[in-house]
Protein backbone atom coordinates (compact mmCIF):
# COMPACT_ATOMS: atom_id res chain seq x y z
CA MET A 1 -5.04 -10.69 0.70
CA ARG A 2 -1.21 -10.91 0.66
CA ILE A 3 0.47 -8.76 -1.69
CA SER A 4 4.24 -8.68 -2.09
CA GLU A 5 6.38 -5.52 -2.29
CA ALA A 6 6.60 -5.57 -5.86
CA GLU A 7 2.75 -6.02 -6.50
CA SER A 8 2.42 -3.25 -4.18
CA ALA A 9 4.28 -0.91 -6.69
CA VAL A 10 1.90 -1.95 -9.33
CA MET A 11 -1.01 -1.38 -7.05
CA GLU A 12 0.13 2.34 -6.25
CA VAL A 13 0.31 2.97 -9.95
CA LEU A 14 -3.35 1.88 -10.35
CA TRP A 15 -4.57 3.64 -6.93
CA THR A 16 -3.15 6.70 -8.40
CA ARG A 17 -4.97 6.78 -11.59
CA ALA A 18 -7.14 3.97 -13.14
CA PRO A 19 -8.13 2.45 -15.20
CA GLN A 20 -4.80 2.04 -17.09
CA SER A 21 -3.55 -0.20 -19.92
CA SER A 22 -0.69 -2.62 -19.33
CA ASP A 23 1.52 -0.34 -21.40
CA GLU A 24 0.75 2.91 -19.20
CA VAL A 25 1.49 0.60 -16.07
CA VAL A 26 4.77 -0.46 -17.71
CA GLU A 27 5.75 3.31 -18.63
CA ALA A 28 5.15 4.11 -15.00
CA LEU A 29 7.30 1.57 -13.38
CA ALA A 30 9.94 0.87 -15.94
CA ASN A 31 11.83 4.19 -15.19
CA ALA A 32 11.01 4.29 -11.48
CA ARG A 33 12.10 0.60 -10.95
CA GLN A 34 14.04 -0.39 -13.85
CA TRP A 35 11.79 -3.33 -14.35
CA GLN A 36 11.27 -4.84 -17.76
CA GLU A 37 7.98 -5.12 -19.55
CA PRO A 38 7.24 -9.13 -18.82
CA THR A 39 8.26 -8.40 -15.09
CA ILE A 40 5.39 -5.80 -14.75
CA LYS A 41 2.94 -7.97 -16.97
CA THR A 42 3.64 -11.01 -14.53
CA LEU A 43 2.85 -8.60 -11.73
CA LEU A 44 -0.63 -7.50 -13.31
CA ASN A 45 -1.35 -11.33 -13.75
CA ARG A 46 -0.65 -12.22 -10.18
CA LEU A 47 -2.76 -9.46 -8.91
CA LEU A 48 -5.51 -10.37 -11.34
CA LYS A 49 -5.64 -13.80 -10.11
CA LYS A 50 -5.62 -12.74 -6.50
CA GLY A 51 -8.55 -10.55 -7.27
CA ALA A 52 -6.77 -7.35 -6.15
CA ILE A 53 -7.29 -5.94 -9.67
CA THR A 54 -9.79 -6.04 -12.43
CA ALA A 55 -9.22 -6.11 -16.24
CA GLU A 56 -11.94 -4.81 -18.82
CA LYS A 57 -11.21 -5.32 -22.35
CA GLU A 58 -11.43 -2.14 -24.45
CA GLY A 59 -10.61 -3.05 -28.31
CA ARG A 60 -7.39 -4.99 -28.31
CA ARG A 61 -6.22 -4.21 -25.00
CA TYR A 62 -7.30 -4.42 -21.33
CA LEU A 63 -7.70 -1.65 -18.93
CA TYR A 64 -6.66 -2.52 -15.38
CA SER A 65 -8.33 -1.08 -12.10
CA PRO A 66 -7.90 -1.67 -8.46
CA ALA A 67 -10.44 -3.95 -6.98
CA LEU A 68 -8.84 -3.53 -3.65
CA ARG A 69 -9.11 -0.20 -1.92
CA ARG A 70 -5.70 1.19 -0.77
CA GLU A 71 -7.29 2.05 2.73
CA ASP A 72 -8.27 -1.66 3.26
CA TRP A 73 -4.86 -2.92 2.10
CA VAL A 74 -2.98 -0.54 4.46
CA GLN A 75 -5.28 -1.58 7.26
CA GLY A 76 -4.73 -5.26 6.77
CA GLU A 77 -0.93 -4.55 6.55
CA SER A 78 -0.75 -2.33 9.67
CA GLU A 79 -2.73 -4.83 11.65
CA GLY A 80 -0.48 -7.85 10.36
CA LEU A 81 2.58 -5.73 11.37
CA LEU A 82 1.24 -5.11 14.72
CA GLU A 83 0.24 -8.63 15.33
CA ARG A 84 3.47 -10.40 14.19
CA LEU A 85 5.86 -7.78 15.85
CA PHE A 86 4.09 -6.27 18.78
CA ASP A 87 1.35 -8.64 19.81
CA GLY A 88 -1.11 -6.29 18.32
CA ARG A 89 -0.22 -3.41 20.37
CA VAL A 90 0.47 0.17 19.34
CA ALA A 91 2.55 1.62 22.34
CA PRO A 92 5.50 -1.15 21.78
CA LEU A 93 5.62 0.10 18.13
CA VAL A 94 5.74 3.85 19.23
CA ALA A 95 8.34 2.97 21.66
CA HIS A 96 10.49 0.92 19.35
CA PHE A 97 10.66 3.78 17.06
CA SER A 98 11.52 6.35 19.69
CA GLN A 99 14.27 4.03 20.94
CA GLN A 100 15.61 3.81 17.50
CA HIS A 101 15.43 7.56 17.11
CA LYS A 102 13.21 7.31 14.15
CA LEU A 103 10.70 10.07 15.47
CA SER A 104 11.26 13.54 14.58
CA ALA A 105 10.09 16.48 16.57
CA LYS A 106 7.22 16.95 13.99
CA ASP A 107 6.25 13.12 14.60
CA ILE A 108 6.12 13.70 18.32
CA ARG A 109 3.97 16.68 17.99
CA GLU A 110 1.42 14.84 15.65
CA LEU A 111 1.36 12.11 18.15
CA ARG A 112 0.75 14.23 20.99
CA ALA A 113 -2.28 15.95 19.05
CA LEU A 114 -3.59 12.65 18.05
CA LEU A 115 -3.57 11.51 21.78
CA ASP A 116 -4.85 14.75 22.96
CA GLY A 117 -7.99 14.20 20.46
CA LEU A 118 -8.52 10.76 21.63
CA ASP A 119 -8.61 12.06 25.33
CA ASP A 120 -11.08 14.76 24.25
CA GLU A 121 -13.41 11.97 22.47
CA ARG A 122 -13.61 9.94 25.40
CA ARG A 123 -14.55 12.53 27.92
């Protein structure tokens, strides 16, 4: 499922706390993004049509909840990025960030620990 950058902002609000009414989503995003209410409601409707969220009627309003788990979306997005840019391989991605000086000392320590853990699992 393809979710645009703007739609992902709406999803983040719902992943943080759900269910929420459209007014609550508008309140969460209006200040952070300077978006108008019609824009946010359009995004909610797009996500509803895609099946990324659900809407349950409560009185005169609808409560929105994510149907798509954040973990599943992140997995799909990261796999798509790897396929499109790095032929599905992680090492060239890490090399790219290291060449661009985007890896901090903390990032390098965490990568080393991750690799050491993977080595231990395979022994």
